[in-house]
Amino acid sequence: MKSYSQALKILKRGKILIGDEYIKSSKSLNRISAENIYSKVNYPSANNSSFDGFTINSRDTNNLNKKKSKLFLISGSIAAGNKPINRKFQKFKTYEIMTGGLLPKGFDTIIPKEQIVYYPYKKKPKYILINKKIKKFQNVRFEGSDFKKKDLIVKKGTILKSNHILAFKTLGIKNIKVKKIPNILFFFNRK
């Protein structure tokens, strides 16, 4: 029978081959990635709102100021998950947009709800009032700003943590290749 220190030396000198297996990514906490994992898509998949608010085309505000304001017609509402609106763009229109809602064609900026002046009434507005120049791309999350297609998400040999599992869920990665959990058995001889 080998002593503990002798057994440890043998283990350190020997090569231990551990096989791979595919598992559900949701069950991969504290497992070791057996391959590099890449994003297959851009995330977000399109430009979208980072706040609840109203989307406009910033060019429509170029000449606006405290003395020269403009009413923007509320043309509808866009929720996260709605298909993008592809109607022909018209000046001085706006859409109410929820966080994660896709920007309609021709719109490039989000004004948060907290900054909105409603007209004629807040309860049932028909317009929003804008009296200043609004910068382009305010409060917009750009396509691929979190993950771009072919970005390395996890490097081979990484111990997978909860943030990795969240990324897999976000990107639709359901199964991944990990190292099998080895079974190691030690026998001790007590004398």
N, C-alpha and C. Protein backbone atom coordinates (compact mmCIF):
# COMPACT_ATOMS: atom_id res chain seq x y z
N MET A 1 0.86 -1.17 0.00
CA MET A 1 0.00 0.00 0.00
C MET A 1 0.90 1.22 0.00
N LYS A 2 0.51 2.22 -0.80
CA LYS A 2 1.25 3.47 -0.93
C LYS A 2 0.81 4.44 0.17
N SER A 3 1.74 5.26 0.58
CA SER A 3 1.40 6.30 1.55
C SER A 3 0.68 7.44 0.81
N TYR A 4 0.10 8.34 1.58
CA TYR A 4 -0.61 9.47 0.99
C TYR A 4 0.34 10.30 0.12
N SER A 5 1.51 10.61 0.61
CA SER A 5 2.45 11.45 -0.14
C SER A 5 2.93 10.74 -1.40
N GLN A 6 3.11 9.42 -1.33
CA GLN A 6 3.50 8.67 -2.53
C GLN A 6 2.36 8.69 -3.56
N ALA A 7 1.14 8.51 -3.10
CA ALA A 7 -0.02 8.51 -4.00
C ALA A 7 -0.18 9.88 -4.66
N LEU A 8 0.06 10.94 -3.90
CA LEU A 8 -0.04 12.29 -4.43
C LEU A 8 1.00 12.53 -5.52
N LYS A 9 2.22 12.04 -5.30
CA LYS A 9 3.29 12.18 -6.31
C LYS A 9 2.91 11.44 -7.59
N ILE A 10 2.33 10.27 -7.47
CA ILE A 10 1.90 9.49 -8.64
C ILE A 10 0.82 10.25 -9.41
N LEU A 11 -0.13 10.82 -8.67
CA LEU A 11 -1.20 11.59 -9.32
C LEU A 11 -0.65 12.81 -10.05
N LYS A 12 0.33 13.50 -9.45
CA LYS A 12 0.89 14.69 -10.07
C LYS A 12 1.69 14.35 -11.32
N ARG A 13 2.34 13.19 -11.35
CA ARG A 13 3.14 12.77 -12.51
C ARG A 13 2.26 12.23 -13.63
N GLY A 14 1.18 11.60 -13.27
CA GLY A 14 0.32 10.94 -14.26
C GLY A 14 -0.61 11.92 -14.96
N LYS A 15 -1.03 11.53 -16.16
CA LYS A 15 -2.00 12.33 -16.90
C LYS A 15 -3.38 11.78 -16.60
N ILE A 16 -4.25 12.68 -16.20
CA ILE A 16 -5.63 12.27 -15.95
C ILE A 16 -6.46 12.83 -17.10
N LEU A 17 -7.07 11.96 -17.87
CA LEU A 17 -7.90 12.38 -18.99
C LEU A 17 -9.35 12.41 -18.52
N ILE A 18 -9.93 13.57 -18.63
CA ILE A 18 -11.32 13.74 -18.22
C ILE A 18 -12.14 13.99 -19.49
N GLY A 19 -13.16 13.21 -19.68
CA GLY A 19 -13.99 13.33 -20.87
C GLY A 19 -14.88 14.56 -20.84
N ASP A 20 -15.55 14.78 -21.96
CA ASP A 20 -16.48 15.90 -22.10
C ASP A 20 -17.91 15.38 -22.18
N GLU A 21 -18.84 16.26 -21.88
CA GLU A 21 -20.25 15.93 -22.04
C GLU A 21 -21.03 17.21 -22.32
N TYR A 22 -22.17 17.03 -22.98
CA TYR A 22 -23.06 18.16 -23.22
C TYR A 22 -24.11 18.18 -22.12
N ILE A 23 -24.35 19.39 -21.58
CA ILE A 23 -25.38 19.56 -20.56
C ILE A 23 -26.18 20.82 -20.88
N LYS A 24 -27.31 20.96 -20.22
CA LYS A 24 -28.09 22.20 -20.36
C LYS A 24 -27.29 23.33 -19.72
N SER A 25 -27.23 24.46 -20.41
CA SER A 25 -26.45 25.60 -19.90
C SER A 25 -26.97 26.07 -18.55
N SER A 26 -28.27 25.90 -18.30
CA SER A 26 -28.85 26.32 -17.02
C SER A 26 -28.36 25.47 -15.85
N LYS A 27 -27.78 24.31 -16.14
CA LYS A 27 -27.29 23.40 -15.09
C LYS A 27 -25.75 23.40 -15.01
N SER A 28 -25.13 24.44 -15.54
CA SER A 28 -23.67 24.43 -15.68
C SER A 28 -22.90 25.16 -14.58
N LEU A 29 -23.56 25.58 -13.51
CA LEU A 29 -22.89 26.31 -12.44
C LEU A 29 -21.73 25.49 -11.87
N ASN A 30 -20.56 26.11 -11.81
CA ASN A 30 -19.32 25.53 -11.26
C ASN A 30 -18.76 24.38 -12.09
N ARG A 31 -19.25 24.20 -13.31
CA ARG A 31 -18.66 23.21 -14.22
C ARG A 31 -17.57 23.92 -15.02
N ILE A 32 -16.75 23.15 -15.72
CA ILE A 32 -15.64 23.72 -16.49
C ILE A 32 -15.95 23.60 -17.98
N SER A 33 -15.89 24.72 -18.66
CA SER A 33 -16.16 24.75 -20.10
C SER A 33 -15.12 23.93 -20.84
N ALA A 34 -15.59 23.05 -21.74
CA ALA A 34 -14.68 22.19 -22.50
C ALA A 34 -14.35 22.78 -23.87
N GLU A 35 -14.91 23.94 -24.18
CA GLU A 35 -14.63 24.59 -25.46
C GLU A 35 -14.90 26.09 -25.32
N ASN A 36 -14.36 26.84 -26.27
CA ASN A 36 -14.69 28.26 -26.34
C ASN A 36 -16.16 28.38 -26.76
N ILE A 37 -16.88 29.31 -26.17
CA ILE A 37 -18.29 29.51 -26.51
C ILE A 37 -18.44 30.93 -27.06
N TYR A 38 -19.01 31.02 -28.26
CA TYR A 38 -19.15 32.29 -28.97
C TYR A 38 -20.62 32.67 -29.10
N SER A 39 -20.88 33.96 -29.20
CA SER A 39 -22.24 34.44 -29.45
C SER A 39 -22.60 34.16 -30.90
N LYS A 40 -23.79 33.65 -31.12
CA LYS A 40 -24.27 33.38 -32.48
C LYS A 40 -25.10 34.53 -33.02
N VAL A 41 -25.38 35.52 -32.17
CA VAL A 41 -26.24 36.64 -32.57
C VAL A 41 -25.72 37.94 -31.97
N ASN A 42 -26.20 39.05 -32.52
CA ASN A 42 -25.98 40.36 -31.89
C ASN A 42 -27.02 40.52 -30.79
N TYR A 43 -26.60 41.08 -29.65
CA TYR A 43 -27.56 41.35 -28.58
C TYR A 43 -27.28 42.73 -28.01
N PRO A 44 -28.25 43.61 -27.96
CA PRO A 44 -29.60 43.44 -28.48
C PRO A 44 -29.59 43.27 -30.00
N SER A 45 -30.68 42.71 -30.52
CA SER A 45 -30.77 42.38 -31.94
C SER A 45 -31.05 43.61 -32.81
N ALA A 46 -31.46 44.71 -32.20
CA ALA A 46 -31.73 45.96 -32.93
C ALA A 46 -31.63 47.12 -31.94
N ASN A 47 -31.53 48.34 -32.46
CA ASN A 47 -31.52 49.52 -31.58
C ASN A 47 -32.83 49.57 -30.81
N ASN A 48 -32.73 49.79 -29.50
CA ASN A 48 -33.94 49.83 -28.67
C ASN A 48 -33.79 50.85 -27.54
N SER A 49 -34.88 51.03 -26.83
CA SER A 49 -34.94 52.05 -25.78
C SER A 49 -34.37 51.53 -24.46
N SER A 50 -33.58 52.37 -23.81
CA SER A 50 -33.06 52.01 -22.49
C SER A 50 -33.92 52.58 -21.37
N PHE A 51 -34.98 53.32 -21.72
CA PHE A 51 -35.90 53.92 -20.75
C PHE A 51 -37.32 53.86 -21.29
N ASP A 52 -38.29 53.95 -20.38
CA ASP A 52 -39.66 54.24 -20.78
C ASP A 52 -39.70 55.71 -21.16
N GLY A 53 -40.30 56.03 -22.30
CA GLY A 53 -40.36 57.43 -22.70
C GLY A 53 -41.02 57.60 -24.05
N PHE A 54 -40.52 58.58 -24.81
CA PHE A 54 -41.05 58.86 -26.15
C PHE A 54 -39.88 58.95 -27.12
N THR A 55 -40.05 58.35 -28.28
CA THR A 55 -39.00 58.36 -29.29
C THR A 55 -39.30 59.42 -30.34
N ILE A 56 -38.26 60.12 -30.75
CA ILE A 56 -38.38 61.19 -31.75
C ILE A 56 -37.20 61.09 -32.71
N ASN A 57 -37.27 61.90 -33.77
CA ASN A 57 -36.11 62.11 -34.63
C ASN A 57 -35.46 63.40 -34.14
N SER A 58 -34.24 63.32 -33.69
CA SER A 58 -33.56 64.48 -33.08
C SER A 58 -33.46 65.67 -34.03
N ARG A 59 -33.43 65.44 -35.34
CA ARG A 59 -33.35 66.56 -36.30
C ARG A 59 -34.58 67.47 -36.21
N ASP A 60 -35.72 66.92 -35.78
CA ASP A 60 -36.93 67.73 -35.65
C ASP A 60 -36.81 68.78 -34.54
N THR A 61 -35.79 68.67 -33.70
CA THR A 61 -35.63 69.61 -32.57
C THR A 61 -34.51 70.62 -32.81
N ASN A 62 -33.88 70.60 -33.98
CA ASN A 62 -32.70 71.45 -34.24
C ASN A 62 -32.93 72.93 -33.97
N ASN A 63 -34.10 73.45 -34.28
CA ASN A 63 -34.35 74.90 -34.12
C ASN A 63 -35.21 75.23 -32.91
N LEU A 64 -35.39 74.29 -32.01
CA LEU A 64 -36.27 74.53 -30.87
C LEU A 64 -35.51 75.12 -29.69
N ASN A 65 -36.22 75.98 -28.94
CA ASN A 65 -35.66 76.57 -27.73
C ASN A 65 -36.82 77.03 -26.85
N LYS A 66 -36.54 77.73 -25.76
CA LYS A 66 -37.57 78.17 -24.82
C LYS A 66 -38.61 79.07 -25.49
N LYS A 67 -38.19 79.84 -26.47
CA LYS A 67 -39.11 80.75 -27.16
C LYS A 67 -39.82 80.10 -28.34
N LYS A 68 -39.21 79.05 -28.86
CA LYS A 68 -39.79 78.37 -30.03
C LYS A 68 -39.94 76.88 -29.72
N SER A 69 -41.14 76.48 -29.33
CA SER A 69 -41.40 75.07 -28.99
C SER A 69 -42.24 74.44 -30.10
N LYS A 70 -42.40 73.12 -30.01
CA LYS A 70 -43.15 72.39 -31.03
C LYS A 70 -43.91 71.24 -30.38
N LEU A 71 -45.15 71.01 -30.88
CA LEU A 71 -45.93 69.86 -30.42
C LEU A 71 -45.62 68.67 -31.34
N PHE A 72 -45.39 67.51 -30.72
CA PHE A 72 -45.16 66.26 -31.45
C PHE A 72 -46.36 65.37 -31.23
N LEU A 73 -46.99 64.93 -32.31
CA LEU A 73 -48.18 64.09 -32.26
C LEU A 73 -47.84 62.69 -31.77
N ILE A 74 -48.54 62.22 -30.74
CA ILE A 74 -48.34 60.85 -30.24
C ILE A 74 -49.06 59.91 -31.20
N SER A 75 -48.28 59.07 -31.89
CA SER A 75 -48.82 58.23 -32.97
C SER A 75 -49.07 56.79 -32.56
N GLY A 76 -48.76 56.45 -31.32
CA GLY A 76 -48.97 55.08 -30.87
C GLY A 76 -48.03 54.73 -29.74
N SER A 77 -48.00 53.43 -29.44
CA SER A 77 -47.19 52.94 -28.33
C SER A 77 -46.41 51.71 -28.78
N ILE A 78 -45.17 51.59 -28.30
CA ILE A 78 -44.30 50.47 -28.66
C ILE A 78 -43.84 49.79 -27.37
N ALA A 79 -44.18 48.53 -27.22
CA ALA A 79 -43.75 47.76 -26.04
C ALA A 79 -42.56 46.89 -26.42
N ALA A 80 -41.81 46.46 -25.43
CA ALA A 80 -40.72 45.51 -25.67
C ALA A 80 -41.33 44.24 -26.26
N GLY A 81 -40.73 43.72 -27.30
CA GLY A 81 -41.25 42.52 -27.94
C GLY A 81 -42.15 42.79 -29.13
N ASN A 82 -42.62 44.04 -29.29
CA ASN A 82 -43.42 44.38 -30.47
C ASN A 82 -42.54 44.35 -31.71
N LYS A 83 -43.15 44.03 -32.86
CA LYS A 83 -42.42 44.10 -34.12
C LYS A 83 -42.11 45.57 -34.41
N PRO A 84 -40.99 45.83 -35.10
CA PRO A 84 -40.65 47.23 -35.38
C PRO A 84 -41.67 47.89 -36.30
N ILE A 85 -41.89 49.18 -36.09
CA ILE A 85 -42.81 49.96 -36.93
C ILE A 85 -42.01 50.45 -38.13
N ASN A 86 -42.47 50.11 -39.33
CA ASN A 86 -41.74 50.50 -40.55
C ASN A 86 -42.54 51.44 -41.44
N ARG A 87 -43.44 52.22 -40.84
CA ARG A 87 -44.19 53.20 -41.63
C ARG A 87 -43.25 54.30 -42.12
N LYS A 88 -43.70 54.99 -43.15
CA LYS A 88 -42.92 56.11 -43.67
C LYS A 88 -42.82 57.17 -42.58
N PHE A 89 -41.60 57.65 -42.35
CA PHE A 89 -41.36 58.65 -41.31
C PHE A 89 -42.02 59.98 -41.64
N GLN A 90 -42.67 60.57 -40.64
CA GLN A 90 -43.26 61.90 -40.79
C GLN A 90 -42.70 62.80 -39.69
N LYS A 91 -42.44 64.05 -40.05
CA LYS A 91 -41.87 65.00 -39.09
C LYS A 91 -42.84 65.26 -37.93
N PHE A 92 -42.25 65.58 -36.79
CA PHE A 92 -42.97 66.00 -35.59
C PHE A 92 -43.99 64.95 -35.11
N LYS A 93 -43.60 63.69 -35.24
CA LYS A 93 -44.40 62.59 -34.67
C LYS A 93 -43.56 61.93 -33.59
N THR A 94 -44.23 61.27 -32.68
CA THR A 94 -43.55 60.55 -31.61
C THR A 94 -44.34 59.29 -31.30
N TYR A 95 -43.66 58.34 -30.71
CA TYR A 95 -44.29 57.13 -30.20
C TYR A 95 -43.90 56.97 -28.74
N GLU A 96 -44.87 56.60 -27.92
CA GLU A 96 -44.53 56.22 -26.57
C GLU A 96 -43.78 54.90 -26.69
N ILE A 97 -42.69 54.73 -25.96
CA ILE A 97 -41.88 53.52 -26.09
C ILE A 97 -41.48 53.03 -24.70
N MET A 98 -41.56 51.71 -24.52
CA MET A 98 -41.20 51.11 -23.25
C MET A 98 -39.74 50.63 -23.31
N THR A 99 -39.15 50.42 -22.16
CA THR A 99 -37.79 49.92 -22.09
C THR A 99 -37.69 48.63 -22.90
N GLY A 100 -36.73 48.58 -23.82
CA GLY A 100 -36.55 47.39 -24.67
C GLY A 100 -37.33 47.45 -25.97
N GLY A 101 -38.20 48.45 -26.13
CA GLY A 101 -38.95 48.59 -27.38
C GLY A 101 -38.03 48.98 -28.52
N LEU A 102 -38.28 48.41 -29.72
CA LEU A 102 -37.44 48.68 -30.89
C LEU A 102 -37.77 50.05 -31.48
N LEU A 103 -36.73 50.79 -31.82
CA LEU A 103 -36.93 52.12 -32.41
C LEU A 103 -37.55 52.00 -33.79
N PRO A 104 -38.59 52.77 -34.07
CA PRO A 104 -39.18 52.76 -35.42
C PRO A 104 -38.21 53.37 -36.43
N LYS A 105 -38.41 53.04 -37.68
CA LYS A 105 -37.59 53.59 -38.77
C LYS A 105 -37.68 55.11 -38.76
N GLY A 106 -36.53 55.78 -38.83
CA GLY A 106 -36.50 57.24 -38.87
C GLY A 106 -36.39 57.91 -37.50
N PHE A 107 -36.45 57.14 -36.42
CA PHE A 107 -36.36 57.69 -35.06
C PHE A 107 -35.01 57.33 -34.47
N ASP A 108 -34.42 58.26 -33.68
CA ASP A 108 -33.05 58.02 -33.21
C ASP A 108 -32.79 58.39 -31.75
N THR A 109 -33.81 58.82 -31.02
CA THR A 109 -33.59 59.34 -29.67
C THR A 109 -34.79 59.00 -28.78
N ILE A 110 -34.51 58.81 -27.50
CA ILE A 110 -35.57 58.57 -26.52
C ILE A 110 -35.53 59.68 -25.48
N ILE A 111 -36.70 60.27 -25.20
CA ILE A 111 -36.82 61.23 -24.10
C ILE A 111 -37.53 60.49 -22.96
N PRO A 112 -36.88 60.36 -21.78
CA PRO A 112 -37.51 59.66 -20.66
C PRO A 112 -38.82 60.30 -20.25
N LYS A 113 -39.76 59.48 -19.77
CA LYS A 113 -41.09 59.96 -19.36
C LYS A 113 -41.01 61.09 -18.35
N GLU A 114 -40.03 61.03 -17.46
CA GLU A 114 -39.90 62.04 -16.41
C GLU A 114 -39.63 63.43 -16.97
N GLN A 115 -39.15 63.52 -18.20
CA GLN A 115 -38.81 64.81 -18.81
C GLN A 115 -39.88 65.31 -19.79
N ILE A 116 -40.97 64.60 -19.91
CA ILE A 116 -41.99 64.91 -20.90
C ILE A 116 -42.98 65.95 -20.38
N VAL A 117 -43.33 66.90 -21.26
CA VAL A 117 -44.42 67.85 -21.00
C VAL A 117 -45.56 67.42 -21.93
N TYR A 118 -46.66 66.99 -21.32
CA TYR A 118 -47.81 66.48 -22.09
C TYR A 118 -48.73 67.63 -22.48
N TYR A 119 -49.44 67.44 -23.61
CA TYR A 119 -50.38 68.46 -24.07
C TYR A 119 -51.61 67.78 -24.66
N PRO A 120 -52.84 68.18 -24.43
CA PRO A 120 -53.25 69.26 -23.53
C PRO A 120 -53.31 68.81 -22.08
N TYR A 121 -53.49 67.51 -21.82
CA TYR A 121 -53.59 67.00 -20.45
C TYR A 121 -52.66 65.81 -20.28
N LYS A 122 -52.18 65.61 -19.06
CA LYS A 122 -51.30 64.48 -18.80
C LYS A 122 -52.06 63.16 -18.85
N LYS A 123 -53.34 63.15 -18.43
CA LYS A 123 -54.10 61.90 -18.38
C LYS A 123 -54.40 61.34 -19.76
N LYS A 124 -54.78 62.18 -20.71
CA LYS A 124 -55.08 61.72 -22.07
C LYS A 124 -54.42 62.66 -23.08
N PRO A 125 -53.08 62.60 -23.15
CA PRO A 125 -52.40 63.54 -24.04
C PRO A 125 -52.54 63.13 -25.51
N LYS A 126 -52.51 64.13 -26.37
CA LYS A 126 -52.46 63.89 -27.81
C LYS A 126 -51.09 64.26 -28.36
N TYR A 127 -50.39 65.10 -27.59
CA TYR A 127 -49.09 65.59 -28.03
C TYR A 127 -48.11 65.60 -26.84
N ILE A 128 -46.83 65.72 -27.18
CA ILE A 128 -45.83 66.11 -26.18
C ILE A 128 -45.23 67.42 -26.67
N LEU A 129 -44.83 68.26 -25.74
CA LEU A 129 -44.28 69.57 -26.06
C LEU A 129 -42.76 69.51 -25.87
N ILE A 130 -42.03 69.94 -26.89
CA ILE A 130 -40.57 69.98 -26.80
C ILE A 130 -40.12 71.42 -27.06
N ASN A 131 -39.26 71.91 -26.14
CA ASN A 131 -38.82 73.32 -26.26
C ASN A 131 -37.29 73.43 -26.15
N LYS A 132 -36.60 72.41 -26.62
CA LYS A 132 -35.13 72.47 -26.65
C LYS A 132 -34.60 71.47 -27.66
N LYS A 133 -33.36 71.68 -28.05
CA LYS A 133 -32.69 70.76 -28.97
C LYS A 133 -32.35 69.48 -28.20
N ILE A 134 -32.68 68.34 -28.78
CA ILE A 134 -32.40 67.04 -28.18
C ILE A 134 -31.27 66.38 -28.96
N LYS A 135 -30.27 65.88 -28.25
CA LYS A 135 -29.13 65.23 -28.90
C LYS A 135 -29.52 63.88 -29.47
N LYS A 136 -28.89 63.54 -30.57
CA LYS A 136 -29.11 62.27 -31.25
C LYS A 136 -28.60 61.11 -30.38
N PHE A 137 -29.31 60.00 -30.41
CA PHE A 137 -28.96 58.73 -29.76
C PHE A 137 -29.03 58.76 -28.24
N GLN A 138 -29.74 59.73 -27.66
CA GLN A 138 -29.90 59.72 -26.21
C GLN A 138 -30.76 58.52 -25.81
N ASN A 139 -30.32 57.80 -24.78
CA ASN A 139 -31.07 56.69 -24.18
C ASN A 139 -31.39 55.56 -25.16
N VAL A 140 -30.50 55.36 -26.14
CA VAL A 140 -30.65 54.28 -27.11
C VAL A 140 -29.61 53.20 -26.81
N ARG A 141 -30.07 51.96 -26.73
CA ARG A 141 -29.16 50.82 -26.66
C ARG A 141 -28.98 50.32 -28.09
N PHE A 142 -27.74 50.28 -28.56
CA PHE A 142 -27.47 49.95 -29.95
C PHE A 142 -27.40 48.45 -30.18
N GLU A 143 -27.76 48.05 -31.39
CA GLU A 143 -27.67 46.65 -31.80
C GLU A 143 -26.25 46.15 -31.52
N GLY A 144 -26.16 45.00 -30.84
CA GLY A 144 -24.86 44.40 -30.57
C GLY A 144 -24.04 45.09 -29.49
N SER A 145 -24.64 46.01 -28.73
CA SER A 145 -23.86 46.74 -27.72
C SER A 145 -23.49 45.86 -26.52
N ASP A 146 -24.26 44.82 -26.23
CA ASP A 146 -23.91 43.90 -25.15
C ASP A 146 -23.02 42.77 -25.68
N PHE A 147 -23.46 42.14 -26.76
CA PHE A 147 -22.71 41.06 -27.40
C PHE A 147 -22.83 41.20 -28.91
N LYS A 148 -21.70 41.07 -29.60
CA LYS A 148 -21.71 41.05 -31.05
C LYS A 148 -21.60 39.60 -31.51
N LYS A 149 -22.14 39.32 -32.68
CA LYS A 149 -22.05 37.99 -33.26
C LYS A 149 -20.57 37.61 -33.34
N LYS A 150 -20.25 36.40 -32.93
CA LYS A 150 -18.89 35.82 -32.91
C LYS A 150 -18.02 36.33 -31.76
N ASP A 151 -18.58 37.12 -30.83
CA ASP A 151 -17.83 37.51 -29.63
C ASP A 151 -17.57 36.26 -28.78
N LEU A 152 -16.39 36.19 -28.16
CA LEU A 152 -16.08 35.10 -27.24
C LEU A 152 -16.81 35.37 -25.93
N ILE A 153 -17.69 34.45 -25.55
CA ILE A 153 -18.47 34.60 -24.32
C ILE A 153 -17.74 33.94 -23.16
N VAL A 154 -17.26 32.71 -23.39
CA VAL A 154 -16.56 31.94 -22.36
C VAL A 154 -15.37 31.25 -23.00
N LYS A 155 -14.22 31.37 -22.36
CA LYS A 155 -13.00 30.72 -22.83
C LYS A 155 -12.94 29.28 -22.32
N LYS A 156 -12.40 28.39 -23.14
CA LYS A 156 -12.22 26.99 -22.76
C LYS A 156 -11.45 26.92 -21.43
N GLY A 157 -11.92 26.07 -20.51
CA GLY A 157 -11.26 25.90 -19.22
C GLY A 157 -11.79 26.82 -18.13
N THR A 158 -12.79 27.64 -18.44
CA THR A 158 -13.35 28.58 -17.47
C THR A 158 -14.32 27.85 -16.54
N ILE A 159 -14.23 28.15 -15.24
CA ILE A 159 -15.23 27.65 -14.29
C ILE A 159 -16.45 28.55 -14.45
N LEU A 160 -17.58 27.93 -14.78
CA LEU A 160 -18.79 28.69 -15.12
C LEU A 160 -19.50 29.20 -13.87
N LYS A 161 -19.83 30.48 -13.88
CA LYS A 161 -20.50 31.15 -12.76
C LYS A 161 -21.87 31.64 -13.21
N SER A 162 -22.60 32.24 -12.29
CA SER A 162 -23.97 32.67 -12.58
C SER A 162 -24.02 33.72 -13.70
N ASN A 163 -23.02 34.60 -13.81
CA ASN A 163 -23.02 35.60 -14.88
C ASN A 163 -22.89 34.95 -16.26
N HIS A 164 -22.17 33.82 -16.34
CA HIS A 164 -22.06 33.09 -17.60
C HIS A 164 -23.42 32.49 -17.98
N ILE A 165 -24.09 31.92 -16.98
CA ILE A 165 -25.40 31.29 -17.22
C ILE A 165 -26.40 32.35 -17.69
N LEU A 166 -26.34 33.54 -17.11
CA LEU A 166 -27.22 34.63 -17.54
C LEU A 166 -26.93 35.00 -19.01
N ALA A 167 -25.66 35.06 -19.38
CA ALA A 167 -25.30 35.35 -20.78
C ALA A 167 -25.82 34.26 -21.71
N PHE A 168 -25.70 32.99 -21.30
CA PHE A 168 -26.21 31.89 -22.13
C PHE A 168 -27.72 32.04 -22.34
N LYS A 169 -28.43 32.34 -21.26
CA LYS A 169 -29.89 32.51 -21.33
C LYS A 169 -30.24 33.67 -22.26
N THR A 170 -29.55 34.79 -22.10
CA THR A 170 -29.79 35.98 -22.92
C THR A 170 -29.57 35.69 -24.40
N LEU A 171 -28.54 34.90 -24.72
CA LEU A 171 -28.17 34.64 -26.11
C LEU A 171 -28.83 33.40 -26.69
N GLY A 172 -29.65 32.71 -25.89
CA GLY A 172 -30.35 31.53 -26.39
C GLY A 172 -29.47 30.30 -26.51
N ILE A 173 -28.37 30.25 -25.76
CA ILE A 173 -27.48 29.08 -25.78
C ILE A 173 -28.01 28.07 -24.78
N LYS A 174 -28.56 26.96 -25.28
CA LYS A 174 -29.25 26.01 -24.40
C LYS A 174 -28.37 24.87 -23.92
N ASN A 175 -27.45 24.41 -24.75
CA ASN A 175 -26.58 23.29 -24.39
C ASN A 175 -25.13 23.68 -24.60
N ILE A 176 -24.27 23.24 -23.68
CA ILE A 176 -22.85 23.54 -23.81
C ILE A 176 -22.04 22.30 -23.48
N LYS A 177 -20.79 22.30 -23.95
CA LYS A 177 -19.88 21.18 -23.68
C LYS A 177 -19.02 21.52 -22.47
N VAL A 178 -19.05 20.63 -21.48
CA VAL A 178 -18.27 20.82 -20.25
C VAL A 178 -17.47 19.55 -19.96
N LYS A 179 -16.53 19.68 -19.06
CA LYS A 179 -15.77 18.51 -18.60
C LYS A 179 -16.65 17.68 -17.68
N LYS A 180 -16.53 16.37 -17.80
CA LYS A 180 -17.27 15.48 -16.89
C LYS A 180 -16.72 15.66 -15.48
N ILE A 181 -17.55 15.38 -14.51
CA ILE A 181 -17.10 15.45 -13.12
C ILE A 181 -16.36 14.15 -12.82
N PRO A 182 -15.06 14.24 -12.47
CA PRO A 182 -14.30 13.02 -12.23
C PRO A 182 -14.68 12.36 -10.90
N ASN A 183 -14.60 11.06 -10.88
CA ASN A 183 -14.79 10.31 -9.63
C ASN A 183 -13.41 9.89 -9.14
N ILE A 184 -13.02 10.38 -8.01
CA ILE A 184 -11.71 10.06 -7.44
C ILE A 184 -11.93 9.38 -6.10
N LEU A 185 -11.22 8.30 -5.91
CA LEU A 185 -11.41 7.50 -4.70
C LEU A 185 -10.05 7.29 -4.03
N PHE A 186 -9.97 7.59 -2.76
CA PHE A 186 -8.76 7.36 -1.98
C PHE A 186 -9.05 6.31 -0.92
N PHE A 187 -8.11 5.42 -0.74
CA PHE A 187 -8.19 4.44 0.35
C PHE A 187 -7.10 4.75 1.34
N PHE A 188 -7.45 4.77 2.59
CA PHE A 188 -6.48 5.03 3.64
C PHE A 188 -6.36 3.75 4.47
N ASN A 189 -5.11 3.43 4.77
CA ASN A 189 -4.84 2.25 5.59
C ASN A 189 -4.54 2.75 6.99
N ARG A 190 -5.42 2.46 7.90
CA ARG A 190 -5.19 2.87 9.29
C ARG A 190 -4.54 1.73 10.06
N LYS A 191 -3.42 2.01 10.64
CA LYS A 191 -2.73 0.98 11.42
C LYS A 191 -2.69 1.36 12.86
